Amino acid sequence: MIPWIGIALGDITGIGPEVTLKALASELESDDARFALIGDVEQTHELNRQLGLNLTLHPDRGKAEPGRIFLSNPASEPLAHNLSPGSPVAARSAVAWLKHGAQRALRHEIDALVTAPVNKESIVRAGVAFVGQTEFLSQIAGAARTAMMLLGQNERGGWLRVVLATTHVPLKLVAERVTAEKVKLAIELAAEACRDLGLLRARIGVCGLNPHAGEGGQMGTEEQTTIAPAVSEMQRRGMDVVGPMSADALFYYAYRGDYDVVVAMYHDQGLAPLKMVAFEQGVNWTLGLPFIRTSPDHGTAYDIAGQGKANPSSMVAAIRLAKQLARTAK
């Protein structure tokens, strides 16, 4: 099966289009996958010339057309050149491209969707209600049971995989948002992800919420009232899961290979260790959607956009994972 990978190009005033084209230039010779880029046609062609990549970009008229990389813009009008970083026009276009990609995935026109970075603040300032790409895609797909997995590999080939029980939540609200149902869902989706990745086991470690996993209730009771009961129920269902454990120790054990996935209670608890291990190769994989979605684990990087020096490593990893999962799914 030749995978057909859709890529929404993200905020055009950021590095998304650049890292996408660079990643494709490095990946084309590795297999026969085909790519449907969703973004501004004229500016993507111009960027291809500026970067000296000489990629052949075809108009996207469907899978029957010959070629490897195809390009389309669901909007009728092209974007103006030299938009300022975080431009409202660019932000709204990024959301439109993201939505179009999701709709194509739901119609099975593409086998996976890779999403380049957008800027949440810019999108909200542009008048769009937006929490994050994961939440946006979940809403479009009508998927209530989703979770974010972040995964990456260090230079020696060691992996760290993290699933978040809560995602984009202010720290002061995390304790009330961590529920037994969310912890159980994160554990369940983590186990399914291990199977999708073809791992030999699915051993999952679950973080506590509080320092030292609450010290037996001396520094918080969420471990006793919420997390431990959730872990126990999933154990009764036959899952290889332990916890809650002190996060500072658990990530060390996972990093040396004792666990295949860590379930973290909140965003930075999981993302800080992941980015320490694989800052340039990290990938975000949305679990629980009715289609495959991956993305690079970095932002729009407005400070270096347009300078031709963005590192495409995370986008390469996101594309490779999308291709792997698409082939497995078939």
Protein backbone atom coordinates (compact mmCIF):
# COMPACT_ATOMS: atom_id res chain seq x y z
CA MET A 1 0.00 0.00 0.00
CA ILE A 2 1.30 3.44 -0.94
CA PRO A 3 0.35 5.84 1.90
CA TRP A 4 -1.21 9.16 0.99
CA ILE A 5 -0.21 11.68 3.67
CA GLY A 6 -1.98 15.04 4.00
CA ILE A 7 -0.02 17.94 5.51
CA ALA A 8 -1.71 21.13 6.68
CA LEU A 9 1.00 23.78 6.39
CA GLY A 10 0.07 25.76 9.52
CA ASP A 11 0.80 29.43 10.12
CA ILE A 12 2.42 30.75 6.97
CA THR A 13 4.24 33.45 8.97
CA GLY A 14 5.95 30.73 11.01
CA ILE A 15 8.29 27.90 10.07
CA GLY A 16 5.65 25.29 9.20
CA PRO A 17 5.92 25.53 5.39
CA GLU A 18 9.71 25.61 5.58
CA VAL A 19 10.14 22.53 7.76
CA THR A 20 7.53 20.69 5.69
CA LEU A 21 9.33 21.25 2.39
CA LYS A 22 12.72 20.46 3.92
CA ALA A 23 11.34 17.27 5.47
CA LEU A 24 9.87 16.14 2.17
CA ALA A 25 13.14 16.81 0.38
CA SER A 26 14.89 14.47 2.79
CA GLU A 27 12.15 11.80 2.81
CA LEU A 28 11.21 11.38 -0.84
CA GLU A 29 13.91 8.83 -1.59
CA SER A 30 13.11 6.67 1.44
CA ASP A 31 9.88 5.15 0.08
CA ASP A 32 7.01 5.73 -2.36
CA ALA A 33 4.62 7.70 -0.11
CA ARG A 34 2.62 10.53 -1.68
CA PHE A 35 1.82 13.86 -0.05
CA ALA A 36 -1.08 16.29 -0.28
CA LEU A 37 -0.04 19.72 1.00
CA ILE A 38 -2.79 22.10 2.12
CA GLY A 39 -1.78 25.76 2.13
CA ASP A 40 -1.11 28.79 0.00
CA VAL A 41 -0.10 27.58 -3.47
CA GLU A 42 1.84 30.59 -4.74
CA GLN A 43 3.86 31.16 -1.58
CA THR A 44 4.67 27.47 -1.21
CA HIS A 45 6.06 27.40 -4.74
CA GLU A 46 8.06 30.55 -4.01
CA LEU A 47 9.45 29.06 -0.78
CA ASN A 48 10.45 25.91 -2.67
CA ARG A 49 12.48 28.09 -5.05
CA GLN A 50 14.00 30.21 -2.26
CA LEU A 51 15.18 27.14 -0.35
CA GLY A 52 16.67 25.64 -3.51
CA LEU A 53 14.88 22.33 -2.94
CA ASN A 54 13.57 21.93 -6.49
CA LEU A 55 10.66 19.78 -5.37
CA THR A 56 8.07 19.08 -8.06
CA LEU A 57 4.76 20.33 -6.70
CA HIS A 58 1.67 19.27 -8.64
CA PRO A 59 -1.86 20.70 -8.45
CA ASP A 60 -3.92 18.39 -6.25
CA ARG A 61 -6.62 16.84 -8.42
CA GLY A 62 -6.93 13.54 -6.59
CA LYS A 63 -5.14 10.23 -6.16
CA ALA A 64 -5.42 9.25 -9.81
CA GLU A 65 -2.93 11.94 -10.87
CA PRO A 66 0.74 10.96 -11.30
CA GLY A 67 3.33 12.53 -9.00
CA ARG A 68 4.56 12.49 -5.42
CA ILE A 69 3.77 15.91 -3.92
CA PHE A 70 0.52 17.73 -4.53
CA LEU A 71 -0.58 21.18 -3.41
CA SER A 72 -3.99 22.79 -2.94
CA ASN A 73 -5.62 25.71 -1.14
CA PRO A 74 -9.27 25.32 -0.09
CA ALA A 75 -9.59 29.11 -0.06
CA SER A 76 -10.42 30.89 -3.29
CA GLU A 77 -7.96 33.75 -2.76
CA PRO A 78 -4.19 33.52 -2.19
CA LEU A 79 -2.66 35.17 0.85
CA ALA A 80 -0.82 38.47 0.61
CA HIS A 81 2.97 38.30 0.73
CA ASN A 82 4.97 39.64 3.69
CA LEU A 83 2.27 39.17 6.30
CA SER A 84 3.50 40.11 9.76
CA PRO A 85 4.23 37.31 12.25
CA GLY A 86 1.00 36.21 13.87
CA SER A 87 -1.13 38.01 11.29
CA PRO A 88 -4.89 37.44 11.84
CA VAL A 89 -5.22 36.56 8.16
CA ALA A 90 -2.50 33.94 8.46
CA ALA A 91 -4.03 32.59 11.68
CA ARG A 92 -7.49 32.17 10.16
CA SER A 93 -6.01 30.53 7.07
CA ALA A 94 -4.08 28.06 9.22
CA VAL A 95 -7.33 27.05 10.92
CA ALA A 96 -9.08 26.69 7.55
CA TRP A 97 -6.29 24.45 6.24
CA LEU A 98 -6.40 22.37 9.42
CA LYS A 99 -10.17 21.94 9.11
CA HIS A 100 -9.89 21.00 5.45
CA GLY A 101 -7.26 18.39 6.24
CA ALA A 102 -9.44 16.85 8.95
CA GLN A 103 -12.42 16.71 6.61
CA ARG A 104 -10.34 14.97 3.95
CA ALA A 105 -9.13 12.47 6.52
CA LEU A 106 -12.69 11.78 7.65
CA ARG A 107 -13.68 11.19 4.03
CA HIS A 108 -10.71 8.75 3.68
CA GLU A 109 -9.20 10.86 0.91
CA ILE A 110 -5.88 10.76 2.81
CA ASP A 111 -4.48 8.00 5.01
CA ALA A 112 -3.04 10.31 7.68
CA LEU A 113 -2.90 14.00 8.52
CA VAL A 114 0.28 15.77 9.61
CA THR A 115 -0.26 19.28 10.98
CA ALA A 116 2.41 21.97 10.91
CA PRO A 117 2.55 24.45 13.82
CA VAL A 118 -0.05 27.12 14.48
CA ASN A 119 0.00 29.82 17.14
CA LYS A 120 -2.89 29.62 19.61
CA GLU A 121 -2.53 33.21 20.76
CA SER A 122 -2.64 34.52 17.19
CA ILE A 123 -5.71 32.42 16.38
CA VAL A 124 -7.59 33.63 19.44
CA ARG A 125 -6.65 37.25 18.67
CA ALA A 126 -8.02 36.67 15.17
CA GLY A 127 -11.43 35.97 16.68
CA VAL A 128 -11.45 32.16 16.53
CA ALA A 129 -12.35 30.15 19.64
CA PHE A 130 -9.35 27.83 19.87
CA VAL A 131 -7.70 25.82 22.64
CA GLY A 132 -5.32 23.73 20.55
CA GLN A 133 -5.11 21.62 17.40
CA THR A 134 -5.85 18.43 19.34
CA GLU A 135 -9.06 19.83 20.78
CA PHE A 136 -10.04 21.40 17.45
CA LEU A 137 -9.60 18.14 15.54
CA SER A 138 -11.42 16.18 18.23
CA GLN A 139 -14.40 18.50 17.89
CA ILE A 140 -14.49 18.22 14.10
CA ALA A 141 -14.29 14.44 14.30
CA GLY A 142 -16.87 14.21 17.09
CA ALA A 143 -14.31 12.27 19.13
CA ALA A 144 -14.82 12.72 22.86
CA ARG A 145 -12.25 10.14 23.95
CA THR A 146 -8.89 11.47 22.76
CA ALA A 147 -5.50 12.06 24.33
CA MET A 148 -2.13 13.47 23.32
CA MET A 149 0.87 11.19 23.07
CA LEU A 150 4.28 12.83 22.76
CA LEU A 151 7.12 10.58 21.76
CA GLY A 152 10.71 10.98 20.79
CA GLN A 153 14.03 9.22 20.44
CA ASN A 154 17.40 10.28 21.77
CA GLU A 155 20.65 10.11 19.85
CA ARG A 156 21.33 6.59 21.15
CA GLY A 157 17.98 5.23 19.97
CA GLY A 158 16.21 5.27 23.33
CA TRP A 159 12.52 6.22 23.32
CA LEU A 160 10.35 8.19 25.71
CA ARG A 161 6.59 8.13 25.20
CA VAL A 162 4.18 10.24 27.25
CA VAL A 163 0.38 10.37 27.27
CA LEU A 164 -1.29 13.34 28.97
CA ALA A 165 -4.34 12.93 31.22
CA THR A 166 -5.04 16.67 30.82
CA THR A 167 -3.74 18.92 28.06
CA HIS A 168 -3.99 22.71 27.79
CA VAL A 169 -5.20 23.53 31.29
CA PRO A 170 -3.99 26.35 33.59
CA LEU A 171 -1.92 24.89 36.41
CA LYS A 172 -4.28 26.21 39.09
CA LEU A 173 -7.11 24.14 37.55
CA VAL A 174 -5.24 20.88 36.98
CA ALA A 175 -6.18 19.20 40.28
CA GLU A 176 -9.89 19.59 39.63
CA ARG A 177 -9.56 18.52 35.98
CA VAL A 178 -7.71 15.27 36.78
CA THR A 179 -10.51 12.73 37.02
CA ALA A 180 -10.50 8.96 37.26
CA GLU A 181 -12.13 8.74 33.83
CA LYS A 182 -9.37 10.81 32.22
CA VAL A 183 -6.65 8.74 33.87
CA LYS A 184 -8.30 5.50 32.75
CA LEU A 185 -8.71 6.83 29.22
CA ALA A 186 -5.04 7.84 29.06
CA ILE A 187 -4.00 4.36 30.22
CA GLU A 188 -6.33 2.64 27.73
CA LEU A 189 -5.17 4.74 24.77
CA ALA A 190 -1.52 4.32 25.80
CA ALA A 191 -1.92 0.54 25.68
CA GLU A 192 -3.61 0.72 22.27
CA ALA A 193 -0.80 2.96 20.99
CA CYS A 194 1.80 0.39 22.01
CA ARG A 195 -0.02 -2.20 19.93
CA ASP A 196 -0.29 0.18 16.97
CA LEU A 197 3.45 0.81 17.21
CA GLY A 198 4.14 -2.93 17.17
CA LEU A 199 5.82 -2.96 20.58
CA LEU A 200 6.36 -6.32 22.25
CA ARG A 201 4.72 -5.12 25.47
CA ALA A 202 2.63 -2.24 26.79
CA ARG A 203 4.03 -1.54 30.25
CA ILE A 204 2.64 1.75 31.51
CA GLY A 205 3.75 3.86 34.47
CA VAL A 206 1.36 6.48 35.86
CA CYS A 207 2.57 9.68 37.49
CA GLY A 208 1.18 11.11 40.67
CA LEU A 209 -0.06 14.65 40.59
CA ASN A 210 1.68 15.96 43.69
CA PRO A 211 5.35 15.92 44.77
CA HIS A 212 6.40 12.43 45.85
CA ALA A 213 2.99 11.18 44.66
CA GLY A 214 1.36 12.91 47.61
CA GLU A 215 3.44 11.33 50.41
CA GLY A 216 0.53 9.16 51.52
CA GLY A 217 -1.85 12.09 51.64
CA GLN A 218 0.49 14.52 53.36
CA MET A 219 0.98 16.62 50.21
CA GLY A 220 -2.34 16.08 48.46
CA THR A 221 -4.95 13.36 48.26
CA GLU A 222 -5.57 13.08 44.50
CA GLU A 223 -3.34 10.02 44.32
CA GLN A 224 -5.48 8.20 46.87
CA THR A 225 -8.91 9.40 45.78
CA THR A 226 -8.54 9.53 41.99
CA ILE A 227 -5.36 8.14 40.42
CA ALA A 228 -4.78 4.93 42.40
CA PRO A 229 -8.39 3.73 41.99
CA ALA A 230 -8.16 4.36 38.25
CA VAL A 231 -4.91 2.40 38.00
CA SER A 232 -6.39 -0.46 40.03
CA GLU A 233 -9.41 -0.72 37.75
CA MET A 234 -7.22 -0.87 34.65
CA GLN A 235 -5.11 -3.57 36.30
CA ARG A 236 -8.27 -5.58 36.88
CA ARG A 237 -8.97 -5.23 33.16
CA GLY A 238 -5.66 -6.97 32.51
CA MET A 239 -3.46 -4.00 31.65
CA ASP A 240 0.22 -3.91 32.61
CA VAL A 241 0.11 -0.61 34.50
CA VAL A 242 1.53 0.63 37.81
CA GLY A 243 1.16 3.84 39.81
CA PRO A 244 0.75 6.45 40.92
CA MET A 245 4.49 6.96 41.16
CA SER A 246 6.54 10.02 41.92
CA ALA A 247 7.04 11.67 38.53
CA ASP A 248 10.69 12.58 39.13
CA ALA A 249 11.57 8.90 39.61
CA LEU A 250 9.16 7.44 37.05
CA PHE A 251 10.61 9.36 34.13
CA TYR A 252 14.07 8.06 34.98
CA TYR A 253 12.81 4.46 35.02
CA ALA A 254 10.95 4.97 31.74
CA TYR A 255 14.00 6.53 30.13
CA ARG A 256 16.13 3.50 30.98
CA GLY A 257 13.48 1.21 29.46
CA ASP A 258 11.46 -0.12 32.41
CA TYR A 259 8.23 1.34 31.00
CA ASP A 260 6.98 1.79 27.45
CA VAL A 261 4.72 4.75 28.17
CA VAL A 262 4.34 7.27 30.98
CA VAL A 263 0.92 8.73 31.75
CA ALA A 264 1.45 12.28 33.01
CA MET A 265 -1.21 14.29 34.80
CA TYR A 266 -0.59 17.64 33.15
CA HIS A 267 1.14 19.27 30.20
CA ASP A 268 4.52 20.36 31.57
CA GLN A 269 4.90 17.32 33.82
CA GLY A 270 5.08 15.23 30.67
CA LEU A 271 6.49 17.63 28.12
CA ALA A 272 9.52 18.88 30.05
CA PRO A 273 11.18 15.43 30.25
CA LEU A 274 10.16 14.57 26.68
CA LYS A 275 11.72 17.72 25.28
CA MET A 276 14.87 17.18 27.33
CA VAL A 277 15.25 13.77 25.67
CA ALA A 278 14.11 14.61 22.13
CA PHE A 279 13.67 18.34 21.66
CA GLU A 280 14.37 18.25 17.92
CA GLN A 281 12.79 14.85 17.16
CA GLY A 282 9.65 14.94 19.30
CA VAL A 283 6.28 14.09 17.74
CA ASN A 284 2.73 14.75 18.89
CA TRP A 285 0.32 11.90 18.06
CA THR A 286 -3.39 12.38 18.80
CA LEU A 287 -4.79 9.12 20.14
CA GLY A 288 -8.48 8.26 19.83
CA LEU A 289 -9.29 10.13 16.62
CA PRO A 290 -10.98 8.22 13.77
CA PHE A 291 -7.98 9.09 11.61
CA ILE A 292 -4.20 9.25 12.07
CA ARG A 293 -2.88 12.67 13.09
CA THR A 294 0.69 13.57 13.96
CA SER A 295 2.55 16.87 14.25
CA PRO A 296 6.01 18.17 15.08
CA ASP A 297 6.46 18.99 18.75
CA HIS A 298 7.41 22.65 18.34
CA GLY A 299 5.77 25.98 17.64
CA THR A 300 5.75 28.57 14.89
CA ALA A 301 9.17 30.02 15.82
CA TYR A 302 8.35 33.48 14.48
CA ASP A 303 11.84 34.66 15.48
CA ILE A 304 13.54 32.55 12.78
CA ALA A 305 10.74 32.30 10.21
CA GLY A 306 11.78 33.31 6.71
CA GLN A 307 15.49 32.89 7.40
CA GLY A 308 15.85 29.39 5.96
CA LYS A 309 17.47 27.95 9.09
CA ALA A 310 14.60 26.03 10.72
CA ASN A 311 15.46 22.45 11.69
CA PRO A 312 13.04 19.97 10.05
CA SER A 313 13.92 17.00 12.29
CA SER A 314 10.64 17.01 14.24
CA MET A 315 8.58 17.28 11.05
CA VAL A 316 10.58 14.41 9.54
CA ALA A 317 9.76 12.32 12.61
CA ALA A 318 6.07 13.29 12.40
CA ILE A 319 5.89 12.29 8.74
CA ARG A 320 7.67 9.00 9.38
CA LEU A 321 5.30 8.10 12.20
CA ALA A 322 2.29 9.00 10.05
CA LYS A 323 3.57 6.73 7.27
CA GLN A 324 4.28 3.88 9.72
CA LEU A 325 0.82 4.08 11.26
CA ALA A 326 -0.88 4.39 7.86
CA ARG A 327 0.81 1.23 6.64
CA THR A 328 -0.05 -0.65 9.83
CA ALA A 329 -3.68 0.49 9.70
CA LYS A 330 -4.10 -0.99 6.24
